[in-house]
Amino acid sequence: MVKHKEETTDQSPLTLRLEALDEARTLGEGRVEQVTLDAALLVLERAAARRSLSAEHTVVGFFGATGSGKSTLFNAVTGENIARSAATRPTTSQPLAGIWGSEGAGPLLDWLDVAERHVLDNATPQNSTQQNAQSGTQAGAASSSSEKGSVRSWFRKDPKVPGGLILLDLPDFDSTELKHREIVERLAGMVDVIVWVLDPQKYADATVHHDFMRKFSAHGAVTMVVLNQIDRLNEREVPQVLDSLRGIMAQDGLTKVDLHAVSARTGQGVDKLRASIRRVADERAALSTRLMADVERTSEALAQGATWEPLAQIESVDEQRLARQLAHASGVDVVVRAVQRSYALDAGAKTGWPVTRWISRLRPDPLRRLNLKSKDVNPAVNRTSLPKPGAAQRAEADGAVREFADRASTGAPDAWRSSIRKAARSSAEILPDRLDQALANTDLAANKGSWWWPIFSVIQWLALVAAVVGLGWLGVLFGLQYFQIQPPETPTVEGWPVPTLLVAFGVLLGIVLGIAGSVFARFGAKSRARTARKRLNEAVRKVAHEHVTAPVSAEIDRYNRFINAVSRARGQQGRRR
């Protein structure tokens, strides 16, 4: 029934699985239902307490419904009339213990809260006549017919051989007394071996199977099922009832459980039941197996809905898409257009015709209006003058974050998908301000000119000087002629008067420079806008990473560690991607 012996090293399989369960419980805080987390904590606390107590004793609990003959069977197995059995039911109101190997059993029974204790190491079974006289039953017939000596004849307590046994007779789990049911439910989670005692009349009772046996389907390795009172059936009915019971047990998930047909009254089958109990106690593996089953059942509950496949880490393409969407929602396009127009204005003011440059300075600078052209600002308090995001912009940003979280959480259970969405929105209140601050502190080179500006400016001034000199020269010549004064001979070039050439050269050069400057300014503005967009997008990406991507990545990592821990708690190798 039990195949593996108790490991005692610090790194035993049970220890590792308990540690994994505790890790899974911690990681599941706020993501898994609290009732499941509480159940896991209870398993861990019980495991810690039970492992600190006697490992030499195997605790076997007899659980049964009213009328199943559980107490009579307990007496038959122990060979002592210590459990009360009578026609008036229920007869057992508190758990009582039959003990073989009293040394070390006290603290264990204190933990189980079992006050009534009977040490059976040196007891001698009474014969059937004595027992019938005391209890009104024939429970002792099993003892007198199958064993004549001490109770040690079926459970040997040799001081040289470690090992002990504690049998518990428990109240009926369908008792009308609520206190009785509470005792049964508590001890069902604490004993090392569970023995379900059924009777031919109520073996198919839904309460027995749905409320109790099915809940412990994972504990088949430390479970026995006893069909008592088979003496009430004729020989042909016994196999039929056993087959029916096996079918119901299969529905409960108890397909590999020992099934015993006994009669506590006549002693039929009691020896085989004793032998099964003795084998479990001798192997001394029930404690470990029971705790393993507790961990298994709790781990399954923790991982309910999990796909058992780790979530992929966030792809860079998804992060870039999020950054682009947030950039658009935060007004990066507006800033980029302002950079382009601001550059064009500055280029005109620096390279345009000197006489009309002042006109361009009268036009408002869009970057300055956005508070993005100030010098010597404190980055911690620097903000743009962009309009506050409207409903459309907020909806766009929220939609981008939600879409990002949904893609990242694909394949996770609903509770974990919700936690990933929550992580993505953990900075929703401050995200707009952080994005605005990122835009305000991005170096847009707003106050930086281009290499060609001073060249064009110098040439423009030279052209203007040439035109002014030419005009002045012509003016002097005109004045001398007006006053009938013979002017000096005017130099010419290829027949063209130099003053006229200076004026023409200055005006034409100014026009050419103006056209060339506008072309250069257009290309320069586009180049500056591209650079600004790249820097702004990178600033937005950093904010998105800090306030959206990083929390989501942390939650994904937490989920992956959770399913890894659950897998290890179930005795499987942790899955790592």
Protein backbone atom coordinates (compact mmCIF):
# COMPACT_ATOMS: atom_id res chain seq x y z
CA MET A 1 0.00 0.00 0.00
CA VAL A 2 2.80 2.41 0.86
CA LYS A 3 5.92 2.08 -1.25
CA HIS A 4 8.39 4.65 0.01
CA LYS A 5 9.99 4.99 3.38
CA GLU A 6 10.14 8.24 5.29
CA GLU A 7 13.07 10.42 4.29
CA THR A 8 14.84 12.02 7.22
CA THR A 9 17.42 14.24 5.58
CA ASP A 10 16.96 17.99 5.40
CA GLN A 11 16.65 17.72 1.63
CA SER A 12 14.18 14.85 1.60
CA PRO A 13 11.53 14.89 -1.15
CA LEU A 14 8.89 15.82 1.40
CA THR A 15 10.95 18.73 2.69
CA LEU A 16 11.54 20.01 -0.83
CA ARG A 17 7.86 19.73 -1.70
CA LEU A 18 6.78 21.51 1.47
CA GLU A 19 9.24 24.31 0.72
CA ALA A 20 7.88 24.53 -2.82
CA LEU A 21 4.31 24.66 -1.51
CA ASP A 22 5.22 27.48 0.85
CA GLU A 23 6.87 29.35 -2.03
CA ALA A 24 3.80 28.85 -4.23
CA ARG A 25 1.53 30.04 -1.43
CA THR A 26 3.60 33.19 -0.95
CA LEU A 27 3.70 33.92 -4.69
CA GLY A 28 -0.04 33.34 -4.93
CA GLU A 29 -0.91 36.02 -2.37
CA GLY A 30 -3.50 38.33 -3.90
CA ARG A 31 -3.73 36.16 -7.03
CA VAL A 32 -5.27 32.96 -5.68
CA GLU A 33 -8.45 32.75 -3.62
CA GLN A 34 -7.73 33.40 0.04
CA VAL A 35 -9.53 30.24 1.15
CA THR A 36 -7.08 28.19 -0.96
CA LEU A 37 -4.10 30.07 0.47
CA ASP A 38 -5.43 29.49 3.98
CA ALA A 39 -5.77 25.78 3.23
CA ALA A 40 -2.17 25.66 2.04
CA LEU A 41 -1.00 27.46 5.17
CA LEU A 42 -2.93 24.97 7.31
CA VAL A 43 -1.24 22.06 5.52
CA LEU A 44 2.17 23.63 6.10
CA GLU A 45 1.47 24.30 9.76
CA ARG A 46 0.13 20.79 10.33
CA ALA A 47 3.08 19.27 8.49
CA ALA A 48 5.55 21.25 10.58
CA ALA A 49 3.79 20.28 13.79
CA ARG A 50 3.39 16.59 12.88
CA ARG A 51 7.01 16.22 11.75
CA SER A 52 8.22 17.69 15.03
CA LEU A 53 6.38 14.94 16.92
CA SER A 54 6.94 11.21 17.06
CA ALA A 55 7.85 9.78 13.67
CA GLU A 56 7.88 6.30 15.23
CA HIS A 57 4.10 6.23 15.60
CA THR A 58 1.55 5.70 12.88
CA VAL A 59 -1.84 7.26 13.65
CA VAL A 60 -4.79 5.37 12.16
CA GLY A 61 -8.25 6.93 12.43
CA PHE A 62 -11.52 5.00 12.15
CA PHE A 63 -14.14 7.20 10.44
CA GLY A 64 -17.71 6.11 9.93
CA ALA A 65 -21.33 7.14 9.80
CA THR A 66 -23.97 6.39 12.39
CA GLY A 67 -24.77 2.68 12.48
CA SER A 68 -21.65 1.54 10.61
CA GLY A 69 -20.39 -0.41 13.64
CA LYS A 70 -17.22 1.64 13.79
CA SER A 71 -16.73 1.35 17.55
CA THR A 72 -17.48 -2.36 17.52
CA LEU A 73 -14.91 -2.81 14.77
CA PHE A 74 -12.42 -0.74 16.77
CA ASN A 75 -12.88 -3.11 19.72
CA ALA A 76 -12.50 -6.12 17.46
CA VAL A 77 -9.27 -4.83 15.94
CA THR A 78 -7.72 -3.83 19.28
CA GLY A 79 -8.96 -6.96 21.01
CA GLU A 80 -10.14 -4.81 23.91
CA ASN A 81 -13.58 -3.55 24.85
CA ILE A 82 -12.53 0.10 25.17
CA ALA A 83 -14.88 1.80 22.71
CA ARG A 84 -18.51 2.15 23.71
CA SER A 85 -20.95 0.51 21.32
CA ALA A 86 -24.67 0.21 21.84
CA ALA A 87 -28.01 0.37 20.10
CA THR A 88 -28.43 4.00 21.13
CA ARG A 89 -26.40 6.15 18.72
CA PRO A 90 -24.14 8.00 18.52
CA THR A 91 -22.15 6.41 21.31
CA THR A 92 -18.76 8.08 20.66
CA SER A 93 -18.72 11.77 21.52
CA GLN A 94 -14.98 12.25 21.92
CA PRO A 95 -12.07 10.54 20.16
CA LEU A 96 -10.35 7.79 22.07
CA ALA A 97 -7.00 6.18 21.40
CA GLY A 98 -5.62 2.68 21.60
CA ILE A 99 -1.83 2.93 21.91
CA TRP A 100 0.97 0.49 21.23
CA GLY A 101 4.28 2.01 22.19
CA SER A 102 3.45 4.67 24.71
CA GLU A 103 6.86 6.33 24.69
CA GLY A 104 6.63 9.55 22.66
CA ALA A 105 2.90 9.15 22.05
CA GLY A 106 1.83 11.74 24.64
CA PRO A 107 2.85 14.93 22.81
CA LEU A 108 1.43 13.52 19.58
CA LEU A 109 -1.94 12.83 21.22
CA ASP A 110 -1.85 16.26 22.84
CA TRP A 111 -1.48 17.77 19.37
CA LEU A 112 -4.34 15.61 18.13
CA ASP A 113 -6.34 16.76 21.18
CA VAL A 114 -7.24 13.20 22.16
CA ALA A 115 -7.76 13.02 25.90
CA GLU A 116 -9.06 9.46 26.34
CA ARG A 117 -6.10 7.10 25.95
CA HIS A 118 -5.66 3.37 26.45
CA VAL A 119 -2.17 1.85 26.45
CA LEU A 120 -2.39 -1.66 25.01
CA ASP A 121 1.25 -2.79 25.10
CA ASN A 122 0.60 -5.30 27.89
CA ALA A 123 -3.12 -5.85 27.48
CA THR A 124 -4.61 -9.29 27.07
CA PRO A 125 -7.77 -9.67 25.01
CA GLN A 126 -10.82 -10.89 26.82
CA ASN A 127 -12.63 -13.86 25.48
CA SER A 128 -15.84 -13.48 23.58
CA THR A 129 -18.05 -14.47 26.53
CA GLN A 130 -16.62 -11.69 28.73
CA GLN A 131 -16.90 -9.10 25.99
CA ASN A 132 -20.43 -10.04 25.12
CA ALA A 133 -21.41 -9.71 28.73
CA GLN A 134 -19.90 -6.22 28.96
CA SER A 135 -20.84 -4.71 25.62
CA GLY A 136 -23.79 -6.70 24.38
CA THR A 137 -21.87 -7.55 21.20
CA GLN A 138 -19.68 -10.36 19.92
CA ALA A 139 -16.72 -8.13 19.10
CA GLY A 140 -14.42 -10.35 21.13
CA ALA A 141 -15.15 -13.36 18.97
CA ALA A 142 -12.60 -12.16 16.49
CA SER A 143 -9.95 -12.08 19.16
CA SER A 144 -10.75 -15.44 20.67
CA SER A 145 -10.96 -17.16 17.34
CA SER A 146 -7.87 -15.67 15.73
CA GLU A 147 -5.46 -15.05 18.59
CA LYS A 148 -5.08 -16.53 22.05
CA GLY A 149 -2.22 -14.56 23.48
CA SER A 150 -1.37 -10.99 24.06
CA VAL A 151 -2.41 -8.23 21.67
CA ARG A 152 1.27 -8.17 20.77
CA SER A 153 0.54 -11.25 18.68
CA TRP A 154 -0.82 -9.01 15.96
CA PHE A 155 1.10 -5.78 16.62
CA ARG A 156 4.52 -6.51 18.03
CA LYS A 157 6.02 -3.78 20.26
CA ASP A 158 9.56 -5.07 20.56
CA PRO A 159 11.72 -2.49 22.39
CA LYS A 160 14.55 -3.33 20.01
CA VAL A 161 12.40 -2.56 16.99
CA PRO A 162 11.27 1.08 16.69
CA GLY A 163 7.69 1.70 15.77
CA GLY A 164 4.37 2.38 17.42
CA LEU A 165 0.71 2.45 16.57
CA ILE A 166 -2.17 4.65 17.63
CA LEU A 167 -5.72 3.66 16.66
CA LEU A 168 -8.38 6.34 17.03
CA ASP A 169 -12.10 5.74 17.38
CA LEU A 170 -13.87 8.92 16.29
CA PRO A 171 -17.40 10.31 16.53
CA ASP A 172 -19.81 9.67 13.69
CA PHE A 173 -19.27 12.19 10.90
CA ASP A 174 -23.01 12.38 10.17
CA SER A 175 -23.90 13.00 13.78
CA THR A 176 -26.57 15.56 14.57
CA GLU A 177 -24.08 17.11 16.97
CA LEU A 178 -22.14 19.83 15.14
CA LYS A 179 -19.26 19.39 17.56
CA HIS A 180 -18.85 15.77 16.48
CA ARG A 181 -18.58 16.72 12.81
CA GLU A 182 -15.99 19.39 13.64
CA ILE A 183 -13.87 16.81 15.49
CA VAL A 184 -14.05 14.41 12.55
CA GLU A 185 -13.18 17.08 9.96
CA ARG A 186 -10.24 18.26 12.05
CA LEU A 187 -8.76 14.82 12.64
CA ALA A 188 -9.35 13.71 9.05
CA GLY A 189 -6.75 16.30 8.16
CA MET A 190 -4.32 15.18 10.87
CA VAL A 191 -4.18 11.38 11.11
CA ASP A 192 -1.62 9.43 9.10
CA VAL A 193 -4.00 6.75 7.81
CA ILE A 194 -7.74 7.07 7.15
CA VAL A 195 -9.99 4.04 7.55
CA TRP A 196 -13.52 4.60 6.20
CA VAL A 197 -15.96 2.23 7.89
CA LEU A 198 -19.14 1.63 5.87
CA ASP A 199 -22.09 -0.67 6.28
CA PRO A 200 -24.29 -2.47 3.73
CA GLN A 201 -27.23 -0.15 4.31
CA LYS A 202 -25.46 3.24 3.95
CA TYR A 203 -22.33 2.45 1.93
CA ALA A 204 -23.66 4.52 -1.01
CA ASP A 205 -24.79 7.49 1.09
CA ALA A 206 -23.96 10.69 -0.86
CA THR A 207 -22.99 12.48 2.35
CA VAL A 208 -20.26 9.93 3.06
CA HIS A 209 -18.77 10.12 -0.43
CA HIS A 210 -19.28 13.76 -1.44
CA ASP A 211 -18.52 15.43 1.88
CA PHE A 212 -15.67 13.18 3.00
CA MET A 213 -14.26 10.36 0.88
CA ARG A 214 -14.12 12.33 -2.38
CA LYS A 215 -12.34 15.22 -0.64
CA PHE A 216 -9.52 12.83 0.25
CA SER A 217 -9.22 11.10 -3.11
CA ALA A 218 -5.56 12.18 -3.31
CA HIS A 219 -4.86 10.20 -0.14
CA GLY A 220 -5.50 6.76 -1.61
CA ALA A 221 -2.05 5.52 -0.58
CA VAL A 222 -2.94 6.04 3.09
CA THR A 223 -6.62 5.11 2.88
CA MET A 224 -8.48 1.91 3.64
CA VAL A 225 -12.16 1.23 3.09
CA VAL A 226 -13.94 -1.30 5.27
CA LEU A 227 -17.37 -2.74 4.51
CA ASN A 228 -18.49 -3.84 7.96
CA GLN A 229 -21.48 -6.00 8.97
CA ILE A 230 -21.22 -8.35 6.02
CA ASP A 231 -22.77 -10.97 8.28
CA ARG A 232 -26.08 -9.23 7.52
CA LEU A 233 -25.74 -10.22 3.86
CA ASN A 234 -26.07 -13.66 2.35
CA GLU A 235 -23.14 -15.12 0.46
CA ARG A 236 -24.46 -14.07 -2.99
CA GLU A 237 -25.04 -10.45 -1.92
CA VAL A 238 -21.53 -9.82 -0.61
CA PRO A 239 -19.75 -9.78 -4.02
CA GLN A 240 -22.54 -7.65 -5.49
CA VAL A 241 -22.31 -5.06 -2.74
CA LEU A 242 -18.49 -5.02 -2.96
CA ASP A 243 -18.62 -4.50 -6.73
CA SER A 244 -21.10 -1.68 -6.28
CA LEU A 245 -18.90 -0.10 -3.62
CA ARG A 246 -15.82 -0.36 -5.85
CA GLY A 247 -17.71 1.48 -8.60
CA ILE A 248 -18.62 4.28 -6.22
CA MET A 249 -15.06 4.43 -4.93
CA ALA A 250 -13.82 4.77 -8.51
CA GLN A 251 -16.11 7.78 -8.93
CA ASP A 252 -14.54 9.20 -5.76
CA GLY A 253 -11.06 8.74 -7.25
CA LEU A 254 -10.20 5.88 -4.86
CA THR A 255 -9.35 3.23 -7.44
CA LYS A 256 -6.23 1.80 -5.76
CA VAL A 257 -7.45 1.61 -2.19
CA ASP A 258 -7.55 -1.54 -0.05
CA LEU A 259 -11.15 -2.69 0.39
CA HIS A 260 -11.88 -5.04 3.29
CA ALA A 261 -15.10 -6.96 3.86
CA VAL A 262 -15.41 -7.68 7.59
CA SER A 263 -17.81 -8.50 10.32
CA ALA A 264 -16.81 -7.05 13.65
CA ARG A 265 -19.49 -9.19 15.29
CA THR A 266 -18.28 -12.54 13.97
CA GLY A 267 -14.62 -11.65 13.41
CA GLN A 268 -14.73 -12.40 9.68
CA GLY A 269 -12.05 -10.43 7.80
CA VAL A 270 -10.71 -8.73 10.95
CA ASP A 271 -7.39 -10.55 10.75
CA LYS A 272 -6.76 -9.24 7.23
CA LEU A 273 -7.62 -5.72 8.33
CA ARG A 274 -5.19 -6.03 11.23
CA ALA A 275 -2.51 -7.29 8.87
CA SER A 276 -2.97 -4.25 6.60
CA ILE A 277 -2.74 -1.89 9.56
CA ARG A 278 0.32 -3.72 10.89
CA ARG A 279 2.03 -3.53 7.49
CA VAL A 280 1.45 0.21 7.28
CA ALA A 281 2.82 0.70 10.80
CA ASP A 282 5.86 -1.50 10.14
CA GLU A 283 6.77 0.37 6.95
CA ARG A 284 6.58 3.67 8.88
CA ALA A 285 5.98 5.60 5.66
CA ALA A 286 2.37 6.64 6.25
CA LEU A 287 3.33 9.97 7.78
CA SER A 288 5.39 11.01 4.78
CA THR A 289 2.87 9.61 2.32
CA ARG A 290 0.00 11.38 4.05
CA LEU A 291 1.80 14.71 4.01
CA MET A 292 2.78 14.19 0.38
CA ALA A 293 -0.90 13.68 -0.44
CA ASP A 294 -1.84 16.83 1.46
CA VAL A 295 0.72 18.80 -0.52
CA GLU A 296 -0.52 17.25 -3.77
CA ARG A 297 -4.15 18.15 -3.12
CA THR A 298 -3.33 21.66 -1.97
CA SER A 299 -1.03 22.24 -4.94
CA GLU A 300 -3.80 21.26 -7.33
CA ALA A 301 -6.10 23.77 -5.68
CA LEU A 302 -3.46 26.50 -5.87
CA ALA A 303 -2.92 25.93 -9.58
CA GLN A 304 -6.59 25.72 -10.51
CA GLY A 305 -6.95 27.21 -13.98
CA ALA A 306 -3.21 27.35 -14.65
CA THR A 307 -2.04 26.19 -18.08
CA TRP A 308 1.24 24.85 -16.65
CA GLU A 309 3.08 26.64 -19.42
CA PRO A 310 5.25 29.63 -18.47
CA LEU A 311 4.38 32.98 -19.99
CA ALA A 312 6.84 34.36 -22.51
CA GLN A 313 8.83 37.42 -21.59
CA ILE A 314 7.72 40.65 -23.22
CA GLU A 315 8.84 41.00 -26.81
CA SER A 316 10.64 44.20 -27.80
CA VAL A 317 8.16 44.71 -30.63
CA ASP A 318 5.31 44.84 -28.11
CA GLU A 319 7.17 47.33 -25.94
CA GLN A 320 7.93 49.49 -28.98
CA ARG A 321 4.28 49.40 -30.02
CA LEU A 322 3.23 50.50 -26.55
CA ALA A 323 5.79 53.32 -26.63
CA ARG A 324 4.52 54.53 -30.02
CA GLN A 325 0.93 54.53 -28.84
CA LEU A 326 1.78 56.38 -25.63
CA ALA A 327 3.92 58.83 -27.59
CA HIS A 328 1.01 59.66 -29.85
CA ALA A 329 -1.37 60.02 -26.92
CA SER A 330 1.05 62.24 -24.96
CA GLY A 331 1.48 64.78 -27.77
CA VAL A 332 4.82 63.84 -29.32
CA ASP A 333 3.46 64.71 -32.76
CA VAL A 334 2.58 68.20 -31.56
CA VAL A 335 6.09 68.69 -30.17
CA VAL A 336 7.72 67.39 -33.36
CA ARG A 337 5.73 69.83 -35.50
CA ALA A 338 6.68 72.62 -33.12
CA VAL A 339 10.36 71.66 -33.45
CA GLN A 340 10.07 71.82 -37.22
CA ARG A 341 8.35 75.21 -37.26
CA SER A 342 10.69 76.61 -34.60
CA TYR A 343 13.73 75.58 -36.62
CA ALA A 344 12.33 77.22 -39.73
CA LEU A 345 11.68 80.45 -37.82
CA ASP A 346 15.17 80.44 -36.30
CA ALA A 347 16.73 79.73 -39.69
CA GLY A 348 14.87 82.64 -41.23
CA ALA A 349 15.90 84.92 -38.40
CA LYS A 350 19.54 83.94 -38.77
CA THR A 351 19.93 83.68 -42.54
CA GLY A 352 17.20 85.89 -44.01
CA TRP A 353 17.68 89.36 -45.57
CA PRO A 354 19.06 91.47 -42.71
CA VAL A 355 16.62 94.29 -43.40
CA THR A 356 13.56 92.10 -42.92
CA ARG A 357 14.86 89.62 -40.33
CA TRP A 358 13.05 91.42 -37.53
CA ILE A 359 9.74 90.48 -39.08
CA SER A 360 10.36 86.76 -38.41
CA ARG A 361 11.11 87.53 -34.79
CA LEU A 362 7.61 88.88 -34.40
CA ARG A 363 6.15 85.46 -35.11
CA PRO A 364 5.52 83.34 -31.97
CA ASP A 365 7.92 80.45 -31.48
CA PRO A 366 5.84 77.25 -31.05
CA LEU A 367 8.51 75.57 -28.92
CA ARG A 368 8.68 78.54 -26.59
CA ARG A 369 4.91 78.47 -26.24
CA LEU A 370 5.21 74.82 -25.21
CA ASN A 371 7.88 75.74 -22.64
CA LEU A 372 10.40 73.62 -24.48
CA LYS A 373 12.94 76.29 -25.31
CA SER A 374 13.85 77.48 -21.85
CA LYS A 375 17.40 77.29 -20.59
CA ASP A 376 18.74 76.32 -17.18
CA VAL A 377 15.55 74.61 -15.91
CA ASN A 378 15.26 72.13 -13.06
CA PRO A 379 14.46 68.74 -14.63
CA ALA A 380 12.59 67.64 -11.50
CA VAL A 381 9.96 70.36 -11.89
CA ASN A 382 10.17 71.00 -15.60
CA ARG A 383 6.90 70.47 -17.47
CA THR A 384 5.59 71.30 -20.92
CA SER A 385 2.74 73.69 -21.67
CA LEU A 386 0.93 71.08 -23.74
CA PRO A 387 -2.82 71.02 -23.16
CA LYS A 388 -3.93 68.44 -20.64
CA PRO A 389 -4.88 65.15 -22.27
CA GLY A 390 -8.51 65.09 -23.28
CA ALA A 391 -10.89 62.16 -23.10
CA ALA A 392 -9.69 60.84 -26.44
CA GLN A 393 -6.01 60.97 -25.46
CA ARG A 394 -6.69 59.33 -22.09
CA ALA A 395 -8.74 56.61 -23.75
CA GLU A 396 -5.96 56.03 -26.28
CA ALA A 397 -3.33 55.70 -23.54
CA ASP A 398 -5.53 53.43 -21.42
CA GLY A 399 -6.33 51.30 -24.43
CA ALA A 400 -2.64 50.96 -25.29
CA VAL A 401 -1.79 49.83 -21.75
CA ARG A 402 -4.71 47.42 -21.64
CA GLU A 403 -3.84 45.94 -25.03
CA PHE A 404 -0.22 45.53 -23.95
CA ALA A 405 -1.26 43.75 -20.73
CA ASP A 406 -3.68 41.47 -22.58
CA ARG A 407 -1.00 40.38 -25.03
CA ALA A 408 1.50 39.80 -22.22
CA SER A 409 -0.95 37.71 -20.16
CA THR A 410 -2.25 35.48 -22.93
CA GLY A 411 -2.42 31.93 -21.61
CA ALA A 412 -2.53 32.80 -17.91
CA PRO A 413 -5.53 31.98 -15.66
CA ASP A 414 -8.10 34.72 -15.19
CA ALA A 415 -6.85 35.67 -11.73
CA TRP A 416 -3.29 36.10 -13.00
CA ARG A 417 -4.46 37.95 -16.12
CA SER A 418 -6.21 40.34 -13.79
CA SER A 419 -3.06 40.79 -11.69
CA ILE A 420 -1.01 41.48 -14.83
CA ARG A 421 -3.53 44.11 -15.96
CA LYS A 422 -3.39 45.61 -12.49
CA ALA A 423 0.40 45.72 -12.67
CA ALA A 424 0.23 47.43 -16.05
CA ARG A 425 -2.07 50.10 -14.60
CA SER A 426 -0.22 50.44 -11.30
CA SER A 427 1.10 53.87 -12.35
CA ALA A 428 -1.99 55.00 -14.25
CA GLU A 429 -2.44 58.06 -12.04
CA ILE A 430 1.07 59.41 -12.49
CA LEU A 431 1.81 58.13 -15.99
CA PRO A 432 0.54 61.26 -17.84
CA ASP A 433 2.68 63.51 -15.67
CA ARG A 434 5.74 61.27 -16.10
CA LEU A 435 5.27 61.34 -19.87
CA ASP A 436 4.92 65.12 -19.86
CA GLN A 437 8.05 65.44 -17.74
CA ALA A 438 9.91 63.16 -20.12
CA LEU A 439 8.96 65.38 -23.07
CA ALA A 440 9.94 68.51 -21.18
CA ASN A 441 13.39 67.16 -20.30
CA THR A 442 14.24 65.73 -23.71
CA ASP A 443 17.08 67.53 -25.44
CA LEU A 444 15.46 68.84 -28.63
CA ALA A 445 18.47 70.99 -29.58
CA ALA A 446 15.96 73.84 -29.59
CA ASN A 447 18.61 76.51 -29.04
CA LYS A 448 21.20 74.97 -31.31
CA GLY A 449 21.78 76.37 -34.79
CA SER A 450 23.10 74.74 -37.95
CA TRP A 451 26.57 75.04 -39.44
CA TRP A 452 25.34 76.92 -42.49
CA TRP A 453 23.54 79.68 -40.60
CA PRO A 454 26.61 81.90 -39.92
CA ILE A 455 27.88 81.39 -43.49
CA PHE A 456 24.60 82.50 -44.99
CA SER A 457 24.35 85.34 -42.51
CA VAL A 458 27.82 86.71 -43.40
CA ILE A 459 27.11 86.47 -47.13
CA GLN A 460 23.72 88.14 -46.66
CA TRP A 461 25.39 90.98 -44.87
CA LEU A 462 28.05 91.25 -47.58
CA ALA A 463 25.33 91.33 -50.24
CA LEU A 464 23.50 94.00 -48.32
CA VAL A 465 26.69 96.05 -47.94
CA ALA A 466 27.37 95.72 -51.67
CA ALA A 467 23.88 96.88 -52.52
CA VAL A 468 24.06 99.78 -50.05
CA VAL A 469 27.49 100.82 -51.36
CA GLY A 470 26.24 100.67 -54.93
CA LEU A 471 23.15 102.68 -54.09
CA GLY A 472 25.23 105.21 -52.20
CA TRP A 473 27.66 105.54 -55.09
CA LEU A 474 24.82 106.07 -57.53
CA GLY A 475 23.29 108.57 -55.19
CA VAL A 476 26.52 110.61 -55.11
CA LEU A 477 26.73 110.57 -58.88
CA PHE A 478 23.13 111.66 -59.14
CA GLY A 479 23.72 114.53 -56.71
CA LEU A 480 26.78 115.80 -58.55
CA GLN A 481 24.88 115.84 -61.81
CA TYR A 482 21.95 117.54 -60.15
CA PHE A 483 24.19 120.37 -58.96
CA GLN A 484 25.91 120.56 -62.38
CA ILE A 485 29.18 119.33 -60.98
CA GLN A 486 31.28 117.22 -63.26
CA PRO A 487 31.48 113.79 -61.58
CA PRO A 488 34.63 111.74 -61.82
CA GLU A 489 34.71 108.98 -64.34
CA THR A 490 32.81 105.92 -63.08
CA PRO A 491 34.67 102.62 -63.44
CA THR A 492 32.96 99.96 -65.49
CA VAL A 493 33.20 96.24 -65.96
CA GLU A 494 32.38 95.00 -69.39
CA GLY A 495 30.61 98.30 -69.96
CA TRP A 496 28.58 98.08 -66.78
CA PRO A 497 29.08 100.79 -64.16
CA VAL A 498 30.49 99.34 -60.97
CA PRO A 499 27.85 101.01 -58.73
CA THR A 500 25.11 99.48 -60.79
CA LEU A 501 26.81 96.13 -60.65
CA LEU A 502 27.14 96.38 -56.88
CA VAL A 503 23.42 97.08 -56.48
CA ALA A 504 22.45 94.30 -58.88
CA PHE A 505 24.91 91.88 -57.30
CA GLY A 506 23.72 92.65 -53.77
CA VAL A 507 20.01 92.32 -54.63
CA LEU A 508 20.39 89.19 -56.73
CA LEU A 509 22.69 87.55 -54.19
CA GLY A 510 20.20 88.33 -51.43
CA ILE A 511 17.37 86.75 -53.46
CA VAL A 512 19.44 83.65 -54.24
CA LEU A 513 20.49 83.31 -50.61
CA GLY A 514 16.90 83.70 -49.51
CA ILE A 515 15.73 80.92 -51.82
CA ALA A 516 18.65 78.67 -50.92
CA GLY A 517 18.19 79.42 -47.23
CA SER A 518 14.52 78.44 -47.37
CA VAL A 519 15.44 75.16 -49.07
CA PHE A 520 18.18 74.48 -46.53
CA ALA A 521 15.81 75.45 -43.71
CA ARG A 522 13.13 73.05 -44.96
CA PHE A 523 15.51 70.11 -45.06
CA GLY A 524 17.12 71.14 -41.79
CA ALA A 525 13.73 71.43 -40.10
CA LYS A 526 12.77 67.93 -41.23
CA SER A 527 16.09 66.54 -40.05
CA ARG A 528 15.75 68.29 -36.70
CA ALA A 529 12.16 66.98 -36.40
CA ARG A 530 13.28 63.42 -37.09
CA THR A 531 15.99 63.69 -34.46
CA ALA A 532 13.51 65.17 -32.01
CA ARG A 533 10.97 62.41 -32.67
CA LYS A 534 13.62 59.75 -32.10
CA ARG A 535 14.67 61.31 -28.81
CA LEU A 536 11.10 61.89 -27.67
CA ASN A 537 10.10 58.32 -28.50
CA GLU A 538 13.08 57.02 -26.56
CA ALA A 539 12.11 59.18 -23.58
CA VAL A 540 8.55 57.86 -23.76
CA ARG A 541 9.85 54.29 -24.08
CA LYS A 542 11.87 54.67 -20.89
CA VAL A 543 8.82 55.94 -19.03
CA ALA A 544 6.70 53.11 -20.45
CA HIS A 545 9.34 50.59 -19.43
CA GLU A 546 9.58 51.90 -15.89
CA HIS A 547 5.87 52.32 -15.23
CA VAL A 548 4.24 49.67 -17.44
CA THR A 549 6.64 47.12 -18.90
CA ALA A 550 8.73 46.53 -15.77
CA PRO A 551 5.71 45.89 -13.46
CA VAL A 552 4.19 43.56 -16.06
CA SER A 553 7.50 41.71 -16.48
CA ALA A 554 7.75 41.32 -12.72
CA GLU A 555 4.23 39.89 -12.58
CA ILE A 556 4.97 37.49 -15.44
CA ASP A 557 8.11 36.37 -13.65
CA ARG A 558 6.05 35.88 -10.49
CA TYR A 559 3.53 33.73 -12.35
CA ASN A 560 6.29 31.63 -13.90
CA ARG A 561 7.91 31.12 -10.51
CA PHE A 562 4.47 30.25 -9.10
CA ILE A 563 3.75 27.45 -11.57
CA ASN A 564 7.34 26.27 -11.17
CA ALA A 565 6.87 26.07 -7.41
CA VAL A 566 3.51 24.31 -7.78
CA SER A 567 5.08 21.79 -10.15
CA ARG A 568 7.84 21.08 -7.66
CA ALA A 569 5.28 20.81 -4.85
CA ARG A 570 3.53 18.13 -6.92
CA GLY A 571 6.79 16.25 -7.24
CA GLN A 572 7.41 17.28 -10.82
CA GLN A 573 10.48 18.95 -12.21
CA GLY A 574 9.95 22.71 -12.33
CA ARG A 575 9.18 24.05 -15.77
CA ARG A 576 11.53 26.73 -16.97
CA ARG A 577 11.34 28.49 -20.28
